[in-house]
């Protein structure tokens, strides 16, 4: 929930984002989430 709010605020303040790497997912069957997401703020 907190990351959703943080990302919404970042989207309001900047023009956009660009992926700079491949997303890395957590290897867990019960919890779906990103371990690593490299982005560049535009």
C-alpha atoms as a PDB file:
ATOM      1  CA  UNK A   1       0.000   0.000   0.000  1.00  0.00           C
ATOM      2  CA  UNK A   2       2.758   2.470   0.886  1.00  0.00           C
ATOM      3  CA  UNK A   3       4.592   1.904  -2.406  1.00  0.00           C
ATOM      4  CA  UNK A   4       1.375   2.618  -4.311  1.00  0.00           C
ATOM      5  CA  UNK A   5       1.036   5.999  -2.599  1.00  0.00           C
ATOM      6  CA  UNK A   6       4.711   6.812  -3.139  1.00  0.00           C
ATOM      7  CA  UNK A   7       4.531   5.986  -6.851  1.00  0.00           C
ATOM      8  CA  UNK A   8       1.354   8.028  -7.298  1.00  0.00           C
ATOM      9  CA  UNK A   9       3.098  11.052  -5.783  1.00  0.00           C
ATOM     10  CA  UNK A  10       6.179  10.580  -7.982  1.00  0.00           C
ATOM     11  CA  UNK A  11       3.996  10.357 -11.090  1.00  0.00           C
ATOM     12  CA  UNK A  12       2.402  13.704 -10.175  1.00  0.00           C
ATOM     13  CA  UNK A  13       5.798  15.413  -9.791  1.00  0.00           C
ATOM     14  CA  UNK A  14       7.730  14.136 -12.825  1.00  0.00           C
ATOM     15  CA  UNK A  15       7.033  13.775 -16.546  1.00  0.00           C
ATOM     16  CA  UNK A  16       7.590  10.050 -16.593  1.00  0.00           C
ATOM     17  CA  UNK A  17       9.757   7.033 -15.994  1.00  0.00           C
ATOM     18  CA  UNK A  18      11.850   4.811 -18.241  1.00  0.00           C
ATOM     19  CA  UNK A  19      12.912   1.258 -17.469  1.00  0.00           C
ATOM     20  CA  UNK A  20      16.690   0.893 -17.486  1.00  0.00           C
ATOM     21  CA  UNK A  21      16.861  -2.794 -16.637  1.00  0.00           C
ATOM     22  CA  UNK A  22      14.850  -5.962 -16.493  1.00  0.00           C
ATOM     23  CA  UNK A  23      12.477  -6.285 -13.494  1.00  0.00           C
ATOM     24  CA  UNK A  24      13.587  -8.903 -10.968  1.00  0.00           C
ATOM     25  CA  UNK A  25      10.737 -10.713  -9.193  1.00  0.00           C
ATOM     26  CA  UNK A  26      10.877 -12.277  -5.729  1.00  0.00           C
ATOM     27  CA  UNK A  27      11.043 -16.077  -5.966  1.00  0.00           C
ATOM     28  CA  UNK A  28       8.122 -16.828  -3.654  1.00  0.00           C
ATOM     29  CA  UNK A  29       4.857 -18.632  -4.411  1.00  0.00           C
ATOM     30  CA  UNK A  30       2.883 -16.872  -1.663  1.00  0.00           C
ATOM     31  CA  UNK A  31       4.141 -13.321  -2.124  1.00  0.00           C
ATOM     32  CA  UNK A  32       4.213 -11.656  -5.531  1.00  0.00           C
ATOM     33  CA  UNK A  33       6.457  -8.627  -5.637  1.00  0.00           C
ATOM     34  CA  UNK A  34       9.393  -6.950  -7.264  1.00  0.00           C
ATOM     35  CA  UNK A  35      12.818  -7.414  -5.765  1.00  0.00           C
ATOM     36  CA  UNK A  36      14.454  -4.925  -8.120  1.00  0.00           C
ATOM     37  CA  UNK A  37      13.135  -2.412 -10.666  1.00  0.00           C
ATOM     38  CA  UNK A  38      15.653  -0.050 -12.213  1.00  0.00           C
ATOM     39  CA  UNK A  39      14.117   3.141 -13.585  1.00  0.00           C
ATOM     40  CA  UNK A  40      15.236   6.543 -14.795  1.00  0.00           C
ATOM     41  CA  UNK A  41      13.120   9.593 -13.953  1.00  0.00           C
ATOM     42  CA  UNK A  42      12.511  11.771 -17.009  1.00  0.00           C
END
